[in-house]
C-alpha cells in the first residue's frame, strides 16, 4: 500500500501544476475570485503531494500486480476529490458531492455534466476551462493506465504488443515511467495541432483549447453555448477528425508521428484503424440516409451530420452535431455503437473493436465447425492468434459489462426512474459516453436531466463511469478474495 501513496504523490504534483495553468487563464479573463480559488487549491494539493512523497519516499518503487490494480482504483476514485476542489470552493451552485460527480465524469472522459448549457446560464470561463482540462488529463491517464497496468496483465485478453512497446522485464515504477514519455508527448502535440487549426479558422483561443481537449480525450463535453455542427464546416471537420484520432490506437499514432512502423507491425491489432474507418464510413452513410429521408435536411447537411454522428458514437464522444440528431437515429444502434467503442489502446470507452472482432471470429468458427465437425480452423485476426484462454478472457469482459448493465438498470429503476431512460443512462455512462443520454433527454420530455436526478442515481452513475474505465473486470478482480490470498 505504501507504494500506492508514493505514486499518488507524483500524480498530485502534476495536478497542482495544471491548476496553476488554470490560474493564469482565470487571470487572463479577469475572473479574480477564481484566481484565488485555483491558487488555494493548487497550494493545498501541492502540500498534500509533498507530504505523501516525503512520507513514503523509502517505500518499494516497483508495483506488484495487486498494487497496480489498487492504484488504478485509487486513481479513478480519489483523484477526482482533488479535481473537485475548485468547483466546490468557487461556490458555483455545486455542493461537494456534485463537484465530485463532475470531476469523476471529466476524469473518466464520460462527458456527463451537471452544468447547464452556457447559452442558458453563464458559467465562469475559468471553470469551463478547468472542466475541459480535466477531460484532457483523464484521457492521458487512461492511456498511461492501459499501458502500465492493464496491458502487462493482459486484462480481458488485451493484445500482447506491450512487450514490444517497453523494455524487457518492465514493471510499473516511477523510474520506468520515462519509457512511456512518447505517450504524453504525442497526446500533447496532437492537442496543440487541433488547437492551432481551430484558432486559424477563427475560433477564440480559449474555445479552441477547450474543444481540442474534448476532441482528443473523446469526452464529448461541449463547453460552448453553440452546437458543434453550427460552426463553419472546416471547424466541424477538424473536431471530427481529431475525435477519430482519439479513438485510434496510440500505437498507430506513434507510427505515424515518428514514421517508425516497427511497433505498429508488431502490434497484432494493426487492423483496428481500418475497422474504425470502415465502420465510420458504413454507419455514416446509413445515418446520412436516415437524416435525409426522415428530416428536412439537405443532402449535404445529411452527409455532414451522418458521418459526424458515426465518428462521435464510435469514439464514445457522444457529441451531437446538431440539436435533435440523435433523436432521429435508431436508439438500439446508438447504444450498440457506443458499446463497441474504439481501439484498445485509445481514450475511447466501450468493449473495444478488437474484442468485438474476436467474438465474431469465434462465433463464425463455431458455426463452421457445425458444418465441418472434423475441420480445425485457427482463430486469427491479423498477427494475433486467439487461443481458448484469450477467448475466455474476452467473453468474461463481455459478461462483466452485461452484469454491470443489469445491476445499474435495476439500481436506478428502483429509485423510480423509468426503464427506457434508466437503460440508456447506464449504458451511456458505462461506455464513458454520458453525453449520449443528455442529448437524447433534451428531446424526450419524460427523461430527466443529470442535474434533476437524485443522489442515489448519481452515485450509481459515478460507479458506472469508474467501472467503465476499469473495464469492470479490473474491479471484480479486486473484489475476489482468492486474488488477495494469492
Protein backbone atom coordinates (compact mmCIF):
# COMPACT_ATOMS: atom_id res chain seq x y z
CA UNK A 1 0.00 0.00 0.00
CA UNK A 2 2.88 2.42 0.70
CA UNK A 3 3.99 2.46 -2.92
CA UNK A 4 0.45 3.45 -4.00
CA UNK A 5 0.56 6.62 -1.91
CA UNK A 6 4.05 7.31 -3.25
CA UNK A 7 2.73 7.12 -6.83
CA UNK A 8 -0.28 9.20 -5.89
CA UNK A 9 2.01 11.94 -4.60
CA UNK A 10 3.59 12.38 -8.03
CA UNK A 11 0.16 12.43 -9.69
CA UNK A 12 -0.94 15.22 -7.35
CA UNK A 13 2.19 17.22 -8.20
CA UNK A 14 1.10 17.16 -11.85
CA UNK A 15 -2.46 18.18 -10.90
CA UNK A 16 -1.11 21.11 -8.90
CA UNK A 17 0.77 22.31 -11.99
CA UNK A 18 -2.36 22.03 -14.14
CA UNK A 19 -4.26 24.12 -11.59
CA UNK A 20 -1.57 26.79 -11.83
CA UNK A 21 -2.14 26.84 -15.60
CA UNK A 22 -5.85 27.40 -14.99
CA UNK A 23 -4.93 30.21 -12.57
CA UNK A 24 -3.28 32.06 -15.44
CA UNK A 25 -6.41 31.52 -17.55
CA UNK A 26 -8.60 32.95 -14.77
CA UNK A 27 -6.25 35.94 -14.54
CA UNK A 28 -6.34 36.44 -18.33
CA UNK A 29 -10.17 36.51 -18.43
CA UNK A 30 -10.23 38.77 -15.32
CA UNK A 31 -12.07 36.36 -13.02
CA UNK A 32 -10.22 37.49 -9.90
CA UNK A 33 -12.18 35.38 -7.46
CA UNK A 34 -11.29 32.22 -9.37
CA UNK A 35 -7.60 33.22 -9.42
CA UNK A 36 -7.62 32.92 -5.64
CA UNK A 37 -9.67 29.69 -5.81
CA UNK A 38 -7.21 27.94 -8.12
CA UNK A 39 -4.17 29.26 -6.24
CA UNK A 40 -5.51 27.95 -2.93
CA UNK A 41 -6.47 24.60 -4.49
CA UNK A 42 -3.08 24.26 -6.18
CA UNK A 43 -1.22 25.08 -2.96
CA UNK A 44 -3.28 22.64 -0.91
CA UNK A 45 -2.75 19.81 -3.40
CA UNK A 46 0.98 20.59 -3.65
CA UNK A 47 1.25 20.38 0.15
CA UNK A 48 -0.54 17.01 0.24
CA UNK A 49 1.59 15.73 -2.66
CA UNK A 50 4.81 16.75 -0.94
CA UNK A 51 3.68 15.10 2.30
CA UNK A 52 2.90 11.82 0.52
CA UNK A 53 6.20 11.76 -1.39
CA UNK A 54 8.24 12.64 1.71
CA UNK A 55 6.41 10.19 3.99
CA UNK A 56 6.57 7.22 1.62
CA UNK A 57 9.86 8.02 -0.14
CA UNK A 58 11.53 4.86 1.20
CA UNK A 59 8.79 2.52 0.02
CA UNK A 60 9.42 -0.13 -2.62
CA UNK A 61 9.24 1.59 -6.00
CA UNK A 62 8.02 -1.31 -8.16
CA UNK A 63 4.29 -2.08 -8.24
CA UNK A 64 3.18 -5.67 -7.77
CA UNK A 65 0.07 -6.83 -9.63
CA UNK A 66 -2.31 -6.28 -6.73
CA UNK A 67 -0.70 -2.88 -6.05
CA UNK A 68 -1.25 -1.97 -9.72
CA UNK A 69 -4.95 -2.82 -9.59
CA UNK A 70 -5.33 -0.92 -6.33
CA UNK A 71 -3.53 2.07 -7.82
CA UNK A 72 -5.93 2.06 -10.77
CA UNK A 73 -8.92 2.05 -8.41
CA UNK A 74 -7.29 4.69 -6.21
CA UNK A 75 -6.68 6.91 -9.22
CA UNK A 76 -10.25 6.81 -10.50
CA UNK A 77 -11.80 7.20 -7.04
CA UNK A 78 -9.52 9.55 -5.08
CA UNK A 79 -8.01 11.90 -7.69
CA UNK A 80 -11.45 13.39 -8.54
CA UNK A 81 -11.70 14.51 -4.89
CA UNK A 82 -8.80 16.86 -5.55
CA UNK A 83 -10.04 17.82 -9.01
CA UNK A 84 -13.37 18.82 -7.44
CA UNK A 85 -11.85 21.41 -5.07
CA UNK A 86 -12.11 24.42 -7.46
CA UNK A 87 -15.74 23.61 -8.25
CA UNK A 88 -16.60 23.44 -4.56
CA UNK A 89 -14.51 26.34 -3.26
CA UNK A 90 -15.75 28.66 -6.01
CA UNK A 91 -19.28 28.22 -4.68
CA UNK A 92 -20.74 27.87 -8.16
CA UNK A 93 -24.06 26.11 -7.38
CA UNK A 94 -22.32 22.82 -6.60
CA UNK A 95 -22.14 21.06 -3.25
CA UNK A 96 -19.14 18.80 -2.78
CA UNK A 97 -20.95 15.67 -3.96
CA UNK A 98 -22.00 17.36 -7.20
CA UNK A 99 -18.48 18.73 -7.63
CA UNK A 100 -17.13 15.20 -7.18
CA UNK A 101 -19.65 13.86 -9.72
CA UNK A 102 -18.49 16.49 -12.23
CA UNK A 103 -14.84 15.61 -11.63
CA UNK A 104 -15.38 11.85 -11.98
CA UNK A 105 -17.18 12.48 -15.24
CA UNK A 106 -14.31 14.57 -16.57
CA UNK A 107 -11.55 12.31 -15.29
CA UNK A 108 -13.16 9.23 -16.87
CA UNK A 109 -13.80 11.24 -20.09
CA UNK A 110 -17.51 10.45 -19.88
CA UNK A 111 -18.75 13.94 -20.75
CA UNK A 112 -21.61 13.70 -18.25
CA UNK A 113 -22.21 17.10 -16.70
CA UNK A 114 -24.47 18.83 -14.19
CA UNK A 115 -23.67 22.22 -15.73
CA UNK A 116 -26.49 23.79 -17.73
CA UNK A 117 -25.81 24.90 -21.28
CA UNK A 118 -23.78 28.11 -21.38
CA UNK A 119 -26.38 29.63 -23.68
CA UNK A 120 -28.94 29.31 -20.87
CA UNK A 121 -26.90 30.23 -17.77
CA UNK A 122 -23.49 31.97 -17.93
CA UNK A 123 -20.70 29.90 -16.36
CA UNK A 124 -17.28 31.36 -15.42
CA UNK A 125 -14.82 30.78 -18.25
CA UNK A 126 -12.05 29.55 -15.95
CA UNK A 127 -14.33 26.85 -14.53
CA UNK A 128 -15.27 25.72 -18.05
CA UNK A 129 -11.59 25.64 -18.99
CA UNK A 130 -10.82 23.56 -15.87
CA UNK A 131 -13.70 21.19 -16.64
CA UNK A 132 -12.37 20.69 -20.18
CA UNK A 133 -8.80 20.31 -18.92
CA UNK A 134 -9.95 17.54 -16.55
CA UNK A 135 -11.21 15.66 -19.62
CA UNK A 136 -7.80 16.02 -21.26
CA UNK A 137 -5.98 14.89 -18.10
CA UNK A 138 -8.33 11.91 -17.84
CA UNK A 139 -7.58 10.91 -21.43
CA UNK A 140 -3.84 10.97 -20.77
CA UNK A 141 -4.21 9.00 -17.54
CA UNK A 142 -6.35 6.44 -19.40
CA UNK A 143 -3.60 5.84 -21.96
CA UNK A 144 -0.92 5.51 -19.28
CA UNK A 145 -3.08 3.18 -17.19
CA UNK A 146 -3.71 0.95 -20.21
CA UNK A 147 -0.01 0.58 -20.93
CA UNK A 148 1.31 0.46 -17.37
CA UNK A 149 -1.35 -1.57 -15.56
CA UNK A 150 -3.97 -3.27 -17.73
CA UNK A 151 -1.72 -4.44 -20.57
CA UNK A 152 1.04 -6.15 -18.54
CA UNK A 153 -1.55 -8.49 -17.01
CA UNK A 154 -3.46 -8.74 -20.34
CA UNK A 155 -6.74 -7.88 -18.65
CA UNK A 156 -9.62 -9.09 -20.82
CA UNK A 157 -7.09 -10.57 -23.29
CA UNK A 158 -5.62 -7.26 -24.35
CA UNK A 159 -3.15 -7.65 -27.23
CA UNK A 160 0.40 -8.53 -26.31
CA UNK A 161 2.04 -5.57 -28.05
CA UNK A 162 3.01 -4.27 -24.61
CA UNK A 163 6.10 -6.45 -24.72
CA UNK A 164 7.19 -4.61 -27.90
CA UNK A 165 6.44 -1.15 -26.55
CA UNK A 166 8.65 -1.25 -23.45
CA UNK A 167 11.96 -2.85 -22.46
CA UNK A 168 12.01 -6.48 -21.43
CA UNK A 169 11.46 -7.13 -17.75
CA UNK A 170 9.38 -3.95 -17.37
CA UNK A 171 7.47 -3.48 -14.14
CA UNK A 172 5.47 -0.33 -13.38
CA UNK A 173 7.58 2.08 -11.33
CA UNK A 174 8.31 5.79 -11.09
CA UNK A 175 11.67 5.50 -12.84
CA UNK A 176 10.22 3.33 -15.63
CA UNK A 177 7.61 5.97 -16.50
CA UNK A 178 10.27 7.55 -18.71
CA UNK A 179 9.87 4.65 -21.14
CA UNK A 180 6.31 5.86 -21.76
CA UNK A 181 7.20 9.52 -22.35
CA UNK A 182 6.20 9.25 -26.01
CA UNK A 183 2.55 8.84 -24.98
CA UNK A 184 2.10 12.26 -23.29
CA UNK A 185 4.31 13.82 -25.97
CA UNK A 186 2.17 12.62 -28.90
CA UNK A 187 -1.04 13.33 -26.98
CA UNK A 188 0.10 16.91 -26.28
CA UNK A 189 1.35 17.55 -29.82
CA UNK A 190 -1.91 16.35 -31.38
CA UNK A 191 -3.85 18.57 -28.97
CA UNK A 192 -1.69 21.54 -29.95
CA UNK A 193 -2.24 20.87 -33.67
CA UNK A 194 -6.00 20.71 -33.10
CA UNK A 195 -5.86 23.97 -31.13
CA UNK A 196 -3.77 25.62 -33.84
CA UNK A 197 -6.09 24.58 -36.67
CA UNK A 198 -9.20 25.73 -34.79
CA UNK A 199 -7.61 29.08 -33.96
CA UNK A 200 -6.52 29.57 -37.58
CA UNK A 201 -10.16 29.06 -38.61
CA UNK A 202 -11.37 31.94 -36.48
CA UNK A 203 -12.27 30.42 -33.09
CA UNK A 204 -11.19 32.28 -29.94
CA UNK A 205 -8.11 30.77 -28.29
CA UNK A 206 -9.97 29.66 -25.15
CA UNK A 207 -12.75 27.96 -27.10
CA UNK A 208 -10.18 26.30 -29.38
CA UNK A 209 -8.32 24.91 -26.38
CA UNK A 210 -11.49 23.56 -24.77
CA UNK A 211 -12.70 21.88 -27.97
CA UNK A 212 -9.21 20.41 -28.51
CA UNK A 213 -9.27 18.89 -25.01
CA UNK A 214 -12.71 17.43 -25.67
CA UNK A 215 -11.86 16.02 -29.11
CA UNK A 216 -8.59 14.24 -28.24
CA UNK A 217 -9.90 12.85 -24.95
CA UNK A 218 -13.13 11.68 -26.70
CA UNK A 219 -15.10 13.05 -23.74
CA UNK A 220 -17.75 14.83 -25.81
CA UNK A 221 -18.02 17.69 -23.31
CA UNK A 222 -19.12 20.85 -25.13
CA UNK A 223 -18.11 23.94 -23.14
CA UNK A 224 -19.59 26.37 -25.66
CA UNK A 225 -23.16 27.56 -25.94
CA UNK A 226 -23.26 26.55 -29.60
CA UNK A 227 -23.80 23.19 -31.27
CA UNK A 228 -20.65 21.92 -32.98
CA UNK A 229 -22.46 21.46 -36.28
CA UNK A 230 -23.46 25.13 -36.30
CA UNK A 231 -19.82 26.20 -36.66
CA UNK A 232 -18.37 26.62 -40.17
CA UNK A 233 -17.72 23.33 -41.94
CA UNK A 234 -13.87 23.45 -41.59
CA UNK A 235 -14.19 23.68 -37.80
CA UNK A 236 -16.61 20.74 -37.71
CA UNK A 237 -14.23 18.75 -39.91
CA UNK A 238 -11.28 19.46 -37.59
CA UNK A 239 -13.17 18.43 -34.44
CA UNK A 240 -14.47 15.21 -36.03
CA UNK A 241 -11.03 14.34 -37.44
CA UNK A 242 -9.36 14.66 -34.04
CA UNK A 243 -12.17 12.70 -32.39
CA UNK A 244 -11.35 9.94 -34.86
CA UNK A 245 -7.65 10.20 -33.91
CA UNK A 246 -8.63 9.98 -30.24
CA UNK A 247 -10.45 6.70 -30.92
CA UNK A 248 -7.49 5.36 -32.88
CA UNK A 249 -4.76 3.34 -31.19
CA UNK A 250 -1.93 5.42 -29.74
CA UNK A 251 0.41 2.78 -31.19
CA UNK A 252 -0.65 3.84 -34.68
CA UNK A 253 -0.27 7.48 -33.69
CA UNK A 254 3.30 6.62 -32.65
CA UNK A 255 3.94 5.04 -36.05
CA UNK A 256 2.50 7.99 -37.98
CA UNK A 257 4.25 10.58 -35.83
CA UNK A 258 7.72 9.05 -35.74
CA UNK A 259 7.45 7.26 -39.12
CA UNK A 260 8.56 4.17 -37.25
CA UNK A 261 6.37 1.21 -38.20
CA UNK A 262 8.28 -1.40 -36.18
CA UNK A 263 5.97 -1.09 -33.18
CA UNK A 264 2.77 -0.97 -35.24
CA UNK A 265 3.82 -4.03 -37.28
CA UNK A 266 4.49 -5.93 -34.06
CA UNK A 267 1.17 -4.63 -32.77
CA UNK A 268 -1.07 -7.57 -33.51
CA UNK A 269 -4.20 -5.44 -33.79
CA UNK A 270 -2.89 -3.16 -36.53
CA UNK A 271 -6.14 -3.69 -38.45
CA UNK A 272 -8.16 -1.68 -35.90
CA UNK A 273 -7.80 1.71 -37.68
CA UNK A 274 -9.14 0.12 -40.86
CA UNK A 275 -12.10 -1.28 -38.95
CA UNK A 276 -12.70 2.09 -37.33
CA UNK A 277 -12.61 3.82 -40.71
CA UNK A 278 -14.84 1.22 -42.36
CA UNK A 279 -17.46 1.33 -39.58
CA UNK A 280 -17.41 5.15 -39.56
CA UNK A 281 -17.91 5.18 -43.32
CA UNK A 282 -20.62 2.49 -43.36
CA UNK A 283 -22.67 3.89 -40.47
CA UNK A 284 -22.00 7.43 -41.69
CA UNK A 285 -23.74 6.58 -44.98
CA UNK A 286 -26.55 4.81 -43.13
CA UNK A 287 -27.09 7.75 -40.75
CA UNK A 288 -26.97 10.19 -43.67
CA UNK A 289 -29.79 8.26 -45.38
CA UNK A 290 -31.81 8.27 -42.14
CA UNK A 291 -31.39 12.05 -41.80
CA UNK A 292 -32.19 12.66 -45.47
CA UNK A 293 -35.42 10.62 -45.53
CA UNK A 294 -36.66 11.38 -42.01
CA UNK A 295 -35.97 15.09 -41.68
CA UNK A 296 -35.84 18.27 -43.76
CA UNK A 297 -32.04 18.10 -44.02
CA UNK A 298 -30.46 18.72 -47.42
CA UNK A 299 -28.21 16.05 -48.95
CA UNK A 300 -25.03 17.85 -47.89
CA UNK A 301 -26.40 18.53 -44.42
CA UNK A 302 -27.42 14.87 -44.07
CA UNK A 303 -23.98 13.63 -45.13
CA UNK A 304 -22.27 16.05 -42.75
CA UNK A 305 -24.45 15.03 -39.80
CA UNK A 306 -24.32 11.32 -40.67
CA UNK A 307 -20.55 10.95 -40.80
CA UNK A 308 -20.02 13.23 -37.80
CA UNK A 309 -22.51 11.26 -35.70
CA UNK A 310 -20.92 7.92 -36.67
CA UNK A 311 -17.45 9.07 -35.59
CA UNK A 312 -18.85 10.67 -32.45
CA UNK A 313 -20.62 7.47 -31.35
CA UNK A 314 -17.81 5.04 -32.25
CA UNK A 315 -15.27 7.19 -30.42
CA UNK A 316 -17.71 7.27 -27.44
CA UNK A 317 -17.59 11.06 -27.52
CA UNK A 318 -21.38 11.07 -27.86
CA UNK A 319 -21.25 14.66 -29.09
CA UNK A 320 -24.33 15.66 -31.06
CA UNK A 321 -23.50 17.81 -34.09
CA UNK A 322 -26.94 19.45 -34.31
CA UNK A 323 -29.65 19.56 -31.68
CA UNK A 324 -32.01 16.60 -32.15
CA UNK A 325 -29.75 14.50 -34.40
CA UNK A 326 -29.64 11.50 -32.06
CA UNK A 327 -33.41 11.51 -31.58
CA UNK A 328 -33.80 10.83 -35.33
CA UNK A 329 -31.44 7.83 -35.31
CA UNK A 330 -32.45 4.31 -34.15
CA UNK A 331 -31.79 4.13 -30.40
CA UNK A 332 -30.60 0.47 -30.37
CA UNK A 333 -27.99 1.31 -32.99
CA UNK A 334 -26.76 4.30 -30.99
CA UNK A 335 -26.26 2.14 -27.89
CA UNK A 336 -24.65 -0.62 -29.95
CA UNK A 337 -22.04 1.74 -31.38
CA UNK A 338 -21.05 3.31 -28.05
CA UNK A 339 -20.72 -0.17 -26.54
CA UNK A 340 -18.37 -1.19 -29.36
CA UNK A 341 -16.08 1.78 -28.74
CA UNK A 342 -12.75 2.48 -30.43
CA UNK A 343 -9.33 0.85 -30.44
CA UNK A 344 -7.90 -0.97 -27.42
CA UNK A 345 -5.04 1.49 -26.87
CA UNK A 346 -7.14 4.66 -27.11
CA UNK A 347 -9.03 7.08 -24.88
CA UNK A 348 -12.42 5.78 -26.03
CA UNK A 349 -14.66 3.65 -23.83
CA UNK A 350 -16.76 0.60 -24.58
CA UNK A 351 -15.82 -3.06 -25.02
CA UNK A 352 -13.35 -2.18 -27.83
CA UNK A 353 -13.19 -3.11 -31.51
CA UNK A 354 -10.63 -5.90 -31.26
CA UNK A 355 -12.70 -7.80 -28.70
CA UNK A 356 -15.87 -7.48 -30.76
CA UNK A 357 -13.90 -8.76 -33.76
CA UNK A 358 -12.58 -11.72 -31.78
CA UNK A 359 -16.08 -12.61 -30.58
CA UNK A 360 -17.42 -12.51 -34.14
CA UNK A 361 -14.48 -14.60 -35.33
CA UNK A 362 -15.09 -17.20 -32.62
CA UNK A 363 -18.82 -17.35 -33.44
CA UNK A 364 -18.02 -17.85 -37.12
CA UNK A 365 -15.55 -20.61 -36.29
CA UNK A 366 -18.14 -22.42 -34.16
CA UNK A 367 -20.70 -22.19 -36.98
CA UNK A 368 -18.12 -23.58 -39.39
CA UNK A 369 -17.48 -26.49 -37.02
CA UNK A 370 -21.17 -27.38 -37.12
CA UNK A 371 -20.86 -27.81 -40.91
CA UNK A 372 -17.42 -29.47 -40.84
CA UNK A 373 -17.08 -31.17 -37.42
CA UNK A 374 -13.61 -32.60 -38.07
CA UNK A 375 -12.09 -29.48 -39.58
CA UNK A 376 -9.66 -27.47 -37.45
CA UNK A 377 -9.56 -23.71 -38.06
CA UNK A 378 -7.20 -21.37 -36.29
CA UNK A 379 -8.79 -18.24 -34.81
CA UNK A 380 -6.60 -15.41 -36.05
CA UNK A 381 -7.04 -11.72 -36.85
CA UNK A 382 -4.01 -10.03 -38.35
CA UNK A 383 -1.00 -11.38 -36.50
CA UNK A 384 -2.92 -12.19 -33.32
CA UNK A 385 -3.79 -15.83 -32.76
CA UNK A 386 -6.68 -16.26 -30.33
CA UNK A 387 -6.37 -19.36 -28.21
CA UNK A 388 -9.16 -20.64 -25.98
CA UNK A 389 -7.77 -18.85 -22.91
CA UNK A 390 -7.82 -15.46 -24.67
CA UNK A 391 -11.32 -16.01 -25.98
CA UNK A 392 -12.47 -16.86 -22.45
CA UNK A 393 -10.99 -13.57 -21.26
CA UNK A 394 -12.82 -11.63 -23.95
CA UNK A 395 -16.14 -13.30 -23.19
CA UNK A 396 -15.52 -12.63 -19.50
CA UNK A 397 -15.22 -8.91 -20.30
CA UNK A 398 -18.50 -9.09 -22.25
CA UNK A 399 -20.25 -10.90 -19.39
CA UNK A 400 -18.85 -8.40 -16.86
CA UNK A 401 -20.21 -5.48 -18.89
CA UNK A 402 -23.58 -7.24 -19.17
CA UNK A 403 -23.77 -7.83 -15.40
CA UNK A 404 -22.81 -4.20 -14.73
CA UNK A 405 -25.62 -3.04 -17.04
CA UNK A 406 -28.15 -5.30 -15.30
CA UNK A 407 -27.06 -4.11 -11.85
CA UNK A 408 -27.09 -0.47 -12.90
CA UNK A 409 -30.51 -0.61 -14.53
CA UNK A 410 -32.02 -2.38 -11.51
CA UNK A 411 -30.46 0.19 -9.16
CA UNK A 412 -31.71 3.31 -10.98
CA UNK A 413 -35.17 1.95 -11.80
CA UNK A 414 -35.59 1.03 -8.11
CA UNK A 415 -35.47 4.78 -7.36
CA UNK A 416 -38.44 5.43 -9.66
CA UNK A 417 -36.63 6.16 -12.92
CA UNK A 418 -38.43 4.69 -15.94
CA UNK A 419 -36.82 1.70 -17.63
CA UNK A 420 -36.09 3.32 -21.01
CA UNK A 421 -34.17 6.26 -19.58
CA UNK A 422 -32.50 4.05 -16.96
CA UNK A 423 -31.28 1.60 -19.59
CA UNK A 424 -29.87 4.36 -21.80
CA UNK A 425 -28.21 6.30 -18.97
CA UNK A 426 -26.47 3.19 -17.60
CA UNK A 427 -25.11 2.06 -20.97
CA UNK A 428 -24.02 5.61 -21.84
CA UNK A 429 -22.04 6.09 -18.65
CA UNK A 430 -20.62 2.56 -18.53
CA UNK A 431 -19.29 3.16 -22.06
CA UNK A 432 -17.96 6.55 -20.88
CA UNK A 433 -20.26 8.33 -23.33
CA UNK A 434 -22.58 10.10 -20.90
CA UNK A 435 -23.35 12.90 -23.36
CA UNK A 436 -25.43 10.45 -25.40
CA UNK A 437 -28.07 10.38 -22.66
CA UNK A 438 -28.07 14.14 -22.09
CA UNK A 439 -28.53 14.82 -25.81
CA UNK A 440 -31.44 12.35 -26.01
CA UNK A 441 -33.01 13.63 -22.78
CA UNK A 442 -33.31 17.13 -24.23
CA UNK A 443 -35.75 15.82 -26.84
CA UNK A 444 -37.57 13.33 -24.59
CA UNK A 445 -39.84 15.15 -22.07
CA UNK A 446 -40.25 12.12 -19.77
CA UNK A 447 -36.47 11.78 -19.27
CA UNK A 448 -34.84 13.81 -16.51
CA UNK A 449 -31.54 15.64 -16.89
CA UNK A 450 -28.45 14.70 -14.89
CA UNK A 451 -28.96 17.71 -12.61
CA UNK A 452 -32.54 16.59 -11.83
CA UNK A 453 -31.52 13.05 -10.82
CA UNK A 454 -31.40 12.21 -7.12
CA UNK A 455 -28.15 11.50 -5.31
CA UNK A 456 -28.69 7.71 -5.38
CA UNK A 457 -28.89 7.64 -9.18
CA UNK A 458 -25.91 9.99 -9.44
CA UNK A 459 -23.92 7.68 -7.13
CA UNK A 460 -24.74 4.70 -9.35
CA UNK A 461 -23.58 6.68 -12.39
CA UNK A 462 -20.29 7.52 -10.65
CA UNK A 463 -19.78 3.79 -10.10
CA UNK A 464 -20.63 3.05 -13.75
CA UNK A 465 -18.15 5.63 -15.04
CA UNK A 466 -15.35 4.21 -12.89
CA UNK A 467 -16.26 0.62 -13.81
CA UNK A 468 -16.15 1.60 -17.48
CA UNK A 469 -12.59 2.87 -17.13
CA UNK A 470 -11.52 -0.23 -15.18
CA UNK A 471 -13.34 -2.33 -17.78
CA UNK A 472 -15.50 -3.82 -14.99
CA UNK A 473 -13.29 -6.90 -14.76
CA UNK A 474 -10.48 -4.99 -13.04
CA UNK A 475 -12.88 -4.01 -10.27
CA UNK A 476 -14.26 -7.54 -9.94
CA UNK A 477 -10.70 -8.85 -9.55
CA UNK A 478 -10.21 -6.56 -6.56
CA UNK A 479 -13.44 -7.94 -5.05
CA UNK A 480 -12.17 -11.53 -5.36
CA UNK A 481 -10.82 -12.99 -2.10
CA UNK A 482 -8.72 -15.55 -3.98
CA UNK A 483 -6.83 -12.69 -5.64
CA UNK A 484 -5.76 -11.33 -2.24
CA UNK A 485 -4.91 -14.78 -0.85
CA UNK A 486 -2.58 -15.43 -3.78
